[in-house]
Amino acid sequence: MLEYAVKTPPQHGRWQDFPRCVVCYRHPAFTANMATTVDIISGGLFELGMGAGWNVGEPDSYGIELGAIKQRLDRFEEGVEVIVRLLGQEVAGFVGE
């Protein structure tokens, strides 16, 4: 299952929210690539939702350390910046931690 907020119009006229992408699970470039693919497949109905993570059990199940709040927020900030650049520019670069 994709861990993104995909909003699709159901038959009753309400939008459905699905889980958010937690930045520590996937590389931001990979996330941007998947977001672009799902947006194309959905005909432009894709909406990427992201979070810094809060549930220790989720990253533990992947063998990933969640980290302290500051670490999570720093990774989140960098991840969002990378994804915004990749989705908004034809050529993008980034130097981060």
PDB file of N, CA and C in Angstrom:
ATOM      1  N   MET A   1       0.839  -1.183   0.000  1.00  0.00           N
ATOM      2  CA  MET A   1       0.000   0.000   0.000  1.00  0.00           C
ATOM      3  C   MET A   1       0.882   1.243   0.000  1.00  0.00           C
ATOM      4  N   LEU A   2       0.548   2.193  -0.805  1.00  0.00           N
ATOM      5  CA  LEU A   2       1.281   3.455  -0.802  1.00  0.00           C
ATOM      6  C   LEU A   2       0.962   4.215   0.473  1.00  0.00           C
ATOM      7  N   GLU A   3       1.991   4.753   1.094  1.00  0.00           N
ATOM      8  CA  GLU A   3       1.807   5.513   2.331  1.00  0.00           C
ATOM      9  C   GLU A   3       1.710   6.993   1.997  1.00  0.00           C
ATOM     10  N   TYR A   4       0.695   7.340   1.286  1.00  0.00           N
ATOM     11  CA  TYR A   4       0.489   8.710   0.845  1.00  0.00           C
ATOM     12  C   TYR A   4      -0.961   9.096   1.035  1.00  0.00           C
ATOM     13  N   ALA A   5      -1.186  10.364   0.990  1.00  0.00           N
ATOM     14  CA  ALA A   5      -2.572  10.850   1.016  1.00  0.00           C
ATOM     15  C   ALA A   5      -3.014  10.961  -0.427  1.00  0.00           C
ATOM     16  N   VAL A   6      -3.766  10.007  -0.868  1.00  0.00           N
ATOM     17  CA  VAL A   6      -4.326  10.042  -2.206  1.00  0.00           C
ATOM     18  C   VAL A   6      -5.792  10.383  -2.036  1.00  0.00           C
ATOM     19  N   LYS A   7      -6.206  11.409  -2.684  1.00  0.00           N
ATOM     20  CA  LYS A   7      -7.606  11.796  -2.569  1.00  0.00           C
ATOM     21  C   LYS A   7      -8.299  11.450  -3.878  1.00  0.00           C
ATOM     22  N   THR A   8      -9.263  10.584  -3.795  1.00  0.00           N
ATOM     23  CA  THR A   8     -10.035  10.207  -4.964  1.00  0.00           C
ATOM     24  C   THR A   8     -11.506  10.485  -4.686  1.00  0.00           C
ATOM     25  N   PRO A   9     -12.220  10.996  -5.663  1.00  0.00           N
ATOM     26  CA  PRO A   9     -13.630  11.315  -5.433  1.00  0.00           C
ATOM     27  C   PRO A   9     -14.491  10.063  -5.445  1.00  0.00           C
ATOM     28  N   PRO A  10     -15.010   9.648  -4.302  1.00  0.00           N
ATOM     29  CA  PRO A  10     -15.908   8.501  -4.302  1.00  0.00           C
ATOM     30  C   PRO A  10     -17.269   8.879  -4.867  1.00  0.00           C
ATOM     31  N   GLN A  11     -18.148   7.918  -4.984  1.00  0.00           N
ATOM     32  CA  GLN A  11     -19.437   8.142  -5.621  1.00  0.00           C
ATOM     33  C   GLN A  11     -20.359   9.055  -4.824  1.00  0.00           C
ATOM     34  N   HIS A  12     -20.109   9.247  -3.554  1.00  0.00           N
ATOM     35  CA  HIS A  12     -20.987  10.083  -2.728  1.00  0.00           C
ATOM     36  C   HIS A  12     -20.505  11.526  -2.613  1.00  0.00           C
ATOM     37  N   GLY A  13     -19.498  11.913  -3.406  1.00  0.00           N
ATOM     38  CA  GLY A  13     -19.046  13.290  -3.447  1.00  0.00           C
ATOM     39  C   GLY A  13     -18.100  13.703  -2.335  1.00  0.00           C
ATOM     40  N   ARG A  14     -17.648  12.776  -1.482  1.00  0.00           N
ATOM     41  CA  ARG A  14     -16.697  13.117  -0.420  1.00  0.00           C
ATOM     42  C   ARG A  14     -15.320  12.617  -0.797  1.00  0.00           C
ATOM     43  N   TRP A  15     -14.299  13.333  -0.342  1.00  0.00           N
ATOM     44  CA  TRP A  15     -12.918  12.938  -0.602  1.00  0.00           C
ATOM     45  C   TRP A  15     -12.467  11.956   0.466  1.00  0.00           C
ATOM     46  N   GLN A  16     -11.656  10.994   0.078  1.00  0.00           N
ATOM     47  CA  GLN A  16     -11.134   9.987   0.993  1.00  0.00           C
ATOM     48  C   GLN A  16      -9.660  10.250   1.247  1.00  0.00           C
ATOM     49  N   ASP A  17      -9.267  10.253   2.507  1.00  0.00           N
ATOM     50  CA  ASP A  17      -7.855  10.413   2.870  1.00  0.00           C
ATOM     51  C   ASP A  17      -7.256   9.050   3.157  1.00  0.00           C
ATOM     52  N   PHE A  18      -6.022   8.851   2.715  1.00  0.00           N
ATOM     53  CA  PHE A  18      -5.267   7.642   3.006  1.00  0.00           C
ATOM     54  C   PHE A  18      -4.032   8.034   3.808  1.00  0.00           C
ATOM     55  N   PRO A  19      -3.278   7.078   4.345  1.00  0.00           N
ATOM     56  CA  PRO A  19      -2.154   7.405   5.232  1.00  0.00           C
ATOM     57  C   PRO A  19      -1.125   8.350   4.615  1.00  0.00           C
ATOM     58  N   ARG A  20      -0.434   9.047   5.476  1.00  0.00           N
ATOM     59  CA  ARG A  20       0.605   9.997   5.068  1.00  0.00           C
ATOM     60  C   ARG A  20       1.946   9.302   4.924  1.00  0.00           C
ATOM     61  N   CYS A  21       2.796   9.878   4.102  1.00  0.00           N
ATOM     62  CA  CYS A  21       4.165   9.386   3.938  1.00  0.00           C
ATOM     63  C   CYS A  21       5.007   9.932   5.093  1.00  0.00           C
ATOM     64  N   VAL A  22       5.697   9.048   5.774  1.00  0.00           N
ATOM     65  CA  VAL A  22       6.603   9.475   6.838  1.00  0.00           C
ATOM     66  C   VAL A  22       7.996   9.564   6.235  1.00  0.00           C
ATOM     67  N   VAL A  23       8.626  10.729   6.348  1.00  0.00           N
ATOM     68  CA  VAL A  23       9.875  11.018   5.654  1.00  0.00           C
ATOM     69  C   VAL A  23      10.991  10.021   5.964  1.00  0.00           C
ATOM     70  N   CYS A  24      11.066   9.494   7.164  1.00  0.00           N
ATOM     71  CA  CYS A  24      12.184   8.612   7.515  1.00  0.00           C
ATOM     72  C   CYS A  24      12.114   7.252   6.824  1.00  0.00           C
ATOM     73  N   TYR A  25      11.015   6.894   6.187  1.00  0.00           N
ATOM     74  CA  TYR A  25      10.884   5.574   5.563  1.00  0.00           C
ATOM     75  C   TYR A  25      11.522   5.484   4.189  1.00  0.00           C
ATOM     76  N   ARG A  26      11.456   6.532   3.415  1.00  0.00           N
ATOM     77  CA  ARG A  26      11.935   6.504   2.034  1.00  0.00           C
ATOM     78  C   ARG A  26      12.743   7.744   1.712  1.00  0.00           C
ATOM     79  N   HIS A  27      13.682   7.578   0.792  1.00  0.00           N
ATOM     80  CA  HIS A  27      14.485   8.700   0.328  1.00  0.00           C
ATOM     81  C   HIS A  27      13.564   9.711  -0.356  1.00  0.00           C
ATOM     82  N   PRO A  28      13.780  11.014  -0.130  1.00  0.00           N
ATOM     83  CA  PRO A  28      12.901  12.028  -0.720  1.00  0.00           C
ATOM     84  C   PRO A  28      12.815  11.965  -2.246  1.00  0.00           C
ATOM     85  N   ALA A  29      13.914  11.626  -2.913  1.00  0.00           N
ATOM     86  CA  ALA A  29      13.882  11.542  -4.377  1.00  0.00           C
ATOM     87  C   ALA A  29      12.975  10.402  -4.829  1.00  0.00           C
ATOM     88  N   PHE A  30      13.008   9.288  -4.117  1.00  0.00           N
ATOM     89  CA  PHE A  30      12.147   8.155  -4.423  1.00  0.00           C
ATOM     90  C   PHE A  30      10.688   8.525  -4.163  1.00  0.00           C
ATOM     91  N   THR A  31      10.440   9.235  -3.079  1.00  0.00           N
ATOM     92  CA  THR A  31       9.088   9.682  -2.749  1.00  0.00           C
ATOM     93  C   THR A  31       8.549  10.607  -3.833  1.00  0.00           C
ATOM     94  N   ALA A  32       9.379  11.550  -4.299  1.00  0.00           N
ATOM     95  CA  ALA A  32       8.952  12.471  -5.360  1.00  0.00           C
ATOM     96  C   ALA A  32       8.629  11.713  -6.640  1.00  0.00           C
ATOM     97  N   ASN A  33       9.442  10.703  -6.962  1.00  0.00           N
ATOM     98  CA  ASN A  33       9.215   9.904  -8.154  1.00  0.00           C
ATOM     99  C   ASN A  33       7.895   9.144  -8.053  1.00  0.00           C
ATOM    100  N   MET A  34       7.645   8.523  -6.904  1.00  0.00           N
ATOM    101  CA  MET A  34       6.385   7.793  -6.718  1.00  0.00           C
ATOM    102  C   MET A  34       5.197   8.746  -6.756  1.00  0.00           C
ATOM    103  N   ALA A  35       5.342   9.919  -6.151  1.00  0.00           N
ATOM    104  CA  ALA A  35       4.254  10.899  -6.142  1.00  0.00           C
ATOM    105  C   ALA A  35       3.898  11.323  -7.561  1.00  0.00           C
ATOM    106  N   THR A  36       4.905  11.552  -8.384  1.00  0.00           N
ATOM    107  CA  THR A  36       4.673  11.939  -9.773  1.00  0.00           C
ATOM    108  C   THR A  36       3.944  10.833 -10.522  1.00  0.00           C
ATOM    109  N   THR A  37       4.375   9.599 -10.324  1.00  0.00           N
ATOM    110  CA  THR A  37       3.754   8.452 -10.994  1.00  0.00           C
ATOM    111  C   THR A  37       2.284   8.308 -10.600  1.00  0.00           C
ATOM    112  N   VAL A  38       2.008   8.372  -9.291  1.00  0.00           N
ATOM    113  CA  VAL A  38       0.623   8.222  -8.831  1.00  0.00           C
ATOM    114  C   VAL A  38      -0.236   9.396  -9.303  1.00  0.00           C
ATOM    115  N   ASP A  39       0.335  10.586  -9.376  1.00  0.00           N
ATOM    116  CA  ASP A  39      -0.409  11.741  -9.856  1.00  0.00           C
ATOM    117  C   ASP A  39      -0.818  11.545 -11.315  1.00  0.00           C
ATOM    118  N   ILE A  40       0.090  11.013 -12.112  1.00  0.00           N
ATOM    119  CA  ILE A  40      -0.220  10.750 -13.523  1.00  0.00           C
ATOM    120  C   ILE A  40      -1.302   9.682 -13.639  1.00  0.00           C
ATOM    121  N   ILE A  41      -1.138   8.591 -12.895  1.00  0.00           N
ATOM    122  CA  ILE A  41      -2.099   7.492 -12.944  1.00  0.00           C
ATOM    123  C   ILE A  41      -3.489   7.944 -12.495  1.00  0.00           C
ATOM    124  N   SER A  42      -3.541   8.814 -11.488  1.00  0.00           N
ATOM    125  CA  SER A  42      -4.830   9.256 -10.938  1.00  0.00           C
ATOM    126  C   SER A  42      -5.454  10.403 -11.723  1.00  0.00           C
ATOM    127  N   GLY A  43      -4.801  10.846 -12.785  1.00  0.00           N
ATOM    128  CA  GLY A  43      -5.341  11.957 -13.569  1.00  0.00           C
ATOM    129  C   GLY A  43      -5.268  13.283 -12.848  1.00  0.00           C
ATOM    130  N   GLY A  44      -4.250  13.460 -12.018  1.00  0.00           N
ATOM    131  CA  GLY A  44      -4.058  14.721 -11.303  1.00  0.00           C
ATOM    132  C   GLY A  44      -4.784  14.818  -9.977  1.00  0.00           C
ATOM    133  N   LEU A  45      -5.302  13.708  -9.465  1.00  0.00           N
ATOM    134  CA  LEU A  45      -6.051  13.732  -8.203  1.00  0.00           C
ATOM    135  C   LEU A  45      -5.189  13.400  -6.991  1.00  0.00           C
ATOM    136  N   PHE A  46      -3.916  13.243  -7.187  1.00  0.00           N
ATOM    137  CA  PHE A  46      -3.021  12.847  -6.101  1.00  0.00           C
ATOM    138  C   PHE A  46      -2.649  14.049  -5.241  1.00  0.00           C
ATOM    139  N   GLU A  47      -2.648  13.841  -3.943  1.00  0.00           N
ATOM    140  CA  GLU A  47      -2.228  14.877  -3.002  1.00  0.00           C
ATOM    141  C   GLU A  47      -1.274  14.236  -2.012  1.00  0.00           C
ATOM    142  N   LEU A  48      -0.023  14.683  -2.014  1.00  0.00           N
ATOM    143  CA  LEU A  48       1.010  14.102  -1.158  1.00  0.00           C
ATOM    144  C   LEU A  48       0.910  14.686   0.246  1.00  0.00           C
ATOM    145  N   GLY A  49       0.769  13.831   1.224  1.00  0.00           N
ATOM    146  CA  GLY A  49       0.766  14.236   2.625  1.00  0.00           C
ATOM    147  C   GLY A  49       2.003  13.659   3.291  1.00  0.00           C
ATOM    148  N   MET A  50       2.687  14.443   4.092  1.00  0.00           N
ATOM    149  CA  MET A  50       3.928  13.988   4.709  1.00  0.00           C
ATOM    150  C   MET A  50       3.937  14.288   6.193  1.00  0.00           C
ATOM    151  N   GLY A  51       4.724  13.523   6.923  1.00  0.00           N
ATOM    152  CA  GLY A  51       4.863  13.732   8.351  1.00  0.00           C
ATOM    153  C   GLY A  51       6.259  13.371   8.819  1.00  0.00           C
ATOM    154  N   ALA A  52       6.611  13.823  10.008  1.00  0.00           N
ATOM    155  CA  ALA A  52       7.934  13.566  10.574  1.00  0.00           C
ATOM    156  C   ALA A  52       7.988  12.240  11.324  1.00  0.00           C
ATOM    157  N   GLY A  53       6.846  11.651  11.604  1.00  0.00           N
ATOM    158  CA  GLY A  53       6.785  10.373  12.313  1.00  0.00           C
ATOM    159  C   GLY A  53       6.580  10.571  13.803  1.00  0.00           C
ATOM    160  N   TRP A  54       5.788   9.685  14.382  1.00  0.00           N
ATOM    161  CA  TRP A  54       5.531   9.758  15.829  1.00  0.00           C
ATOM    162  C   TRP A  54       5.375   8.367  16.437  1.00  0.00           C
ATOM    163  N   ASN A  55       4.978   7.377  15.639  1.00  0.00           N
ATOM    164  CA  ASN A  55       4.713   6.047  16.142  1.00  0.00           C
ATOM    165  C   ASN A  55       5.982   5.204  16.066  1.00  0.00           C
ATOM    166  N   VAL A  56       6.611   4.948  17.193  1.00  0.00           N
ATOM    167  CA  VAL A  56       7.890   4.236  17.245  1.00  0.00           C
ATOM    168  C   VAL A  56       7.780   2.856  16.600  1.00  0.00           C
ATOM    169  N   GLY A  57       6.646   2.202  16.708  1.00  0.00           N
ATOM    170  CA  GLY A  57       6.477   0.859  16.170  1.00  0.00           C
ATOM    171  C   GLY A  57       6.606   0.770  14.658  1.00  0.00           C
ATOM    172  N   GLU A  58       6.198   1.825  13.947  1.00  0.00           N
ATOM    173  CA  GLU A  58       6.268   1.797  12.483  1.00  0.00           C
ATOM    174  C   GLU A  58       7.704   1.727  11.976  1.00  0.00           C
ATOM    175  N   PRO A  59       8.574   2.677  12.312  1.00  0.00           N
ATOM    176  CA  PRO A  59       9.947   2.571  11.805  1.00  0.00           C
ATOM    177  C   PRO A  59      10.683   1.353  12.363  1.00  0.00           C
ATOM    178  N   ASP A  60      10.379   0.965  13.605  1.00  0.00           N
ATOM    179  CA  ASP A  60      11.001  -0.233  14.184  1.00  0.00           C
ATOM    180  C   ASP A  60      10.718  -1.458  13.317  1.00  0.00           C
ATOM    181  N   SER A  61       9.518  -1.552  12.771  1.00  0.00           N
ATOM    182  CA  SER A  61       9.164  -2.707  11.946  1.00  0.00           C
ATOM    183  C   SER A  61       9.972  -2.748  10.652  1.00  0.00           C
ATOM    184  N   TYR A  62      10.532  -1.603  10.236  1.00  0.00           N
ATOM    185  CA  TYR A  62      11.393  -1.540   9.051  1.00  0.00           C
ATOM    186  C   TYR A  62      12.883  -1.590   9.420  1.00  0.00           C
ATOM    187  N   GLY A  63      13.170  -1.644  10.718  1.00  0.00           N
ATOM    188  CA  GLY A  63      14.563  -1.619  11.162  1.00  0.00           C
ATOM    189  C   GLY A  63      15.179  -0.232  11.092  1.00  0.00           C
ATOM    190  N   ILE A  64      14.334   0.798  11.167  1.00  0.00           N
ATOM    191  CA  ILE A  64      14.779   2.193  11.085  1.00  0.00           C
ATOM    192  C   ILE A  64      14.554   2.847  12.439  1.00  0.00           C
ATOM    193  N   GLU A  65      15.574   3.535  12.924  1.00  0.00           N
ATOM    194  CA  GLU A  65      15.431   4.253  14.190  1.00  0.00           C
ATOM    195  C   GLU A  65      14.650   5.542  13.954  1.00  0.00           C
ATOM    196  N   LEU A  66      13.610   5.765  14.735  1.00  0.00           N
ATOM    197  CA  LEU A  66      12.800   6.974  14.580  1.00  0.00           C
ATOM    198  C   LEU A  66      13.589   8.222  14.938  1.00  0.00           C
ATOM    199  N   GLY A  67      14.375   8.164  15.989  1.00  0.00           N
ATOM    200  CA  GLY A  67      15.193   9.304  16.385  1.00  0.00           C
ATOM    201  C   GLY A  67      14.459  10.286  17.278  1.00  0.00           C
ATOM    202  N   ALA A  68      15.218  11.207  17.817  1.00  0.00           N
ATOM    203  CA  ALA A  68      14.663  12.255  18.683  1.00  0.00           C
ATOM    204  C   ALA A  68      13.833  13.235  17.853  1.00  0.00           C
ATOM    205  N   ILE A  69      13.010  13.995  18.530  1.00  0.00           N
ATOM    206  CA  ILE A  69      12.112  14.936  17.837  1.00  0.00           C
ATOM    207  C   ILE A  69      12.895  15.900  16.951  1.00  0.00           C
ATOM    208  N   LYS A  70      13.994  16.455  17.448  1.00  0.00           N
ATOM    209  CA  LYS A  70      14.786  17.388  16.636  1.00  0.00           C
ATOM    210  C   LYS A  70      15.294  16.720  15.368  1.00  0.00           C
ATOM    211  N   GLN A  71      15.810  15.498  15.488  1.00  0.00           N
ATOM    212  CA  GLN A  71      16.282  14.759  14.309  1.00  0.00           C
ATOM    213  C   GLN A  71      15.155  14.555  13.302  1.00  0.00           C
ATOM    214  N   ARG A  72      14.005  14.144  13.792  1.00  0.00           N
ATOM    215  CA  ARG A  72      12.861  13.907  12.912  1.00  0.00           C
ATOM    216  C   ARG A  72      12.445  15.173  12.186  1.00  0.00           C
ATOM    217  N   LEU A  73      12.386  16.271  12.923  1.00  0.00           N
ATOM    218  CA  LEU A  73      11.958  17.525  12.306  1.00  0.00           C
ATOM    219  C   LEU A  73      12.996  18.042  11.320  1.00  0.00           C
ATOM    220  N   ASP A  74      14.274  17.864  11.627  1.00  0.00           N
ATOM    221  CA  ASP A  74      15.337  18.255  10.686  1.00  0.00           C
ATOM    222  C   ASP A  74      15.246  17.433   9.398  1.00  0.00           C
ATOM    223  N   ARG A  75      15.078  16.105   9.544  1.00  0.00           N
ATOM    224  CA  ARG A  75      14.943  15.233   8.370  1.00  0.00           C
ATOM    225  C   ARG A  75      13.693  15.590   7.576  1.00  0.00           C
ATOM    226  N   PHE A  76      12.620  15.876   8.295  1.00  0.00           N
ATOM    227  CA  PHE A  76      11.365  16.249   7.648  1.00  0.00           C
ATOM    228  C   PHE A  76      11.533  17.531   6.830  1.00  0.00           C
ATOM    229  N   GLU A  77      12.143  18.536   7.440  1.00  0.00           N
ATOM    230  CA  GLU A  77      12.343  19.819   6.756  1.00  0.00           C
ATOM    231  C   GLU A  77      13.174  19.633   5.486  1.00  0.00           C
ATOM    232  N   GLU A  78      14.275  18.885   5.595  1.00  0.00           N
ATOM    233  CA  GLU A  78      15.117  18.634   4.427  1.00  0.00           C
ATOM    234  C   GLU A  78      14.364  17.819   3.378  1.00  0.00           C
ATOM    235  N   GLY A  79      13.653  16.797   3.827  1.00  0.00           N
ATOM    236  CA  GLY A  79      12.915  15.950   2.892  1.00  0.00           C
ATOM    237  C   GLY A  79      11.876  16.727   2.105  1.00  0.00           C
ATOM    238  N   VAL A  80      11.133  17.577   2.792  1.00  0.00           N
ATOM    239  CA  VAL A  80      10.121  18.396   2.121  1.00  0.00           C
ATOM    240  C   VAL A  80      10.785  19.335   1.120  1.00  0.00           C
ATOM    241  N   GLU A  81      11.902  19.946   1.504  1.00  0.00           N
ATOM    242  CA  GLU A  81      12.597  20.853   0.595  1.00  0.00           C
ATOM    243  C   GLU A  81      13.057  20.124  -0.667  1.00  0.00           C
ATOM    244  N   VAL A  82      13.602  18.932  -0.504  1.00  0.00           N
ATOM    245  CA  VAL A  82      14.055  18.149  -1.656  1.00  0.00           C
ATOM    246  C   VAL A  82      12.873  17.801  -2.561  1.00  0.00           C
ATOM    247  N   ILE A  83      11.787  17.326  -1.976  1.00  0.00           N
ATOM    248  CA  ILE A  83      10.621  16.924  -2.763  1.00  0.00           C
ATOM    249  C   ILE A  83      10.011  18.111  -3.500  1.00  0.00           C
ATOM    250  N   VAL A  84       9.900  19.251  -2.834  1.00  0.00           N
ATOM    251  CA  VAL A  84       9.352  20.453  -3.487  1.00  0.00           C
ATOM    252  C   VAL A  84      10.231  20.853  -4.670  1.00  0.00           C
ATOM    253  N   ARG A  85      11.543  20.810  -4.482  1.00  0.00           N
ATOM    254  CA  ARG A  85      12.442  21.150  -5.594  1.00  0.00           C
ATOM    255  C   ARG A  85      12.294  20.169  -6.747  1.00  0.00           C
ATOM    256  N   LEU A  86      12.264  18.881  -6.439  1.00  0.00           N
ATOM    257  CA  LEU A  86      12.167  17.874  -7.495  1.00  0.00           C
ATOM    258  C   LEU A  86      10.844  17.940  -8.252  1.00  0.00           C
ATOM    259  N   LEU A  87       9.769  18.257  -7.554  1.00  0.00           N
ATOM    260  CA  LEU A  87       8.468  18.332  -8.208  1.00  0.00           C
ATOM    261  C   LEU A  87       8.248  19.659  -8.928  1.00  0.00           C
ATOM    262  N   GLY A  88       8.986  20.695  -8.539  1.00  0.00           N
ATOM    263  CA  GLY A  88       8.740  22.011  -9.094  1.00  0.00           C
ATOM    264  C   GLY A  88       9.767  22.524 -10.086  1.00  0.00           C
ATOM    265  N   GLN A  89      10.885  21.812 -10.249  1.00  0.00           N
ATOM    266  CA  GLN A  89      11.939  22.269 -11.141  1.00  0.00           C
ATOM    267  C   GLN A  89      12.328  21.143 -12.085  1.00  0.00           C
ATOM    268  N   GLU A  90      12.710  21.513 -13.296  1.00  0.00           N
ATOM    269  CA  GLU A  90      13.140  20.495 -14.246  1.00  0.00           C
ATOM    270  C   GLU A  90      14.462  19.868 -13.822  1.00  0.00           C
ATOM    271  N   VAL A  91      15.364  20.693 -13.314  1.00  0.00           N
ATOM    272  CA  VAL A  91      16.648  20.210 -12.787  1.00  0.00           C
ATOM    273  C   VAL A  91      16.769  20.754 -11.362  1.00  0.00           C
ATOM    274  N   ALA A  92      17.051  19.878 -10.420  1.00  0.00           N
ATOM    275  CA  ALA A  92      17.127  20.300  -9.019  1.00  0.00           C
ATOM    276  C   ALA A  92      18.348  19.701  -8.354  1.00  0.00           C
ATOM    277  N   GLY A  93      18.930  20.456  -7.445  1.00  0.00           N
ATOM    278  CA  GLY A  93      20.048  19.977  -6.654  1.00  0.00           C
ATOM    279  C   GLY A  93      19.820  20.318  -5.192  1.00  0.00           C
ATOM    280  N   PHE A  94      20.523  19.604  -4.329  1.00  0.00           N
ATOM    281  CA  PHE A  94      20.380  19.867  -2.905  1.00  0.00           C
ATOM    282  C   PHE A  94      21.604  19.333  -2.165  1.00  0.00           C
ATOM    283  N   VAL A  95      22.113  20.097  -1.252  1.00  0.00           N
ATOM    284  CA  VAL A  95      23.191  19.651  -0.367  1.00  0.00           C
ATOM    285  C   VAL A  95      22.654  19.764   1.050  1.00  0.00           C
ATOM    286  N   GLY A  96      22.564  18.652   1.737  1.00  0.00           N
ATOM    287  CA  GLY A  96      22.010  18.662   3.078  1.00  0.00           C
ATOM    288  C   GLY A  96      22.816  17.801   4.018  1.00  0.00           C
ATOM    289  N   GLU A  97      22.246  17.561   5.170  1.00  0.00           N
ATOM    290  CA  GLU A  97      22.911  16.737   6.192  1.00  0.00           C
ATOM    291  C   GLU A  97      22.867  15.343   5.723  1.00  0.00           C
TER     292      GLU A  97
END
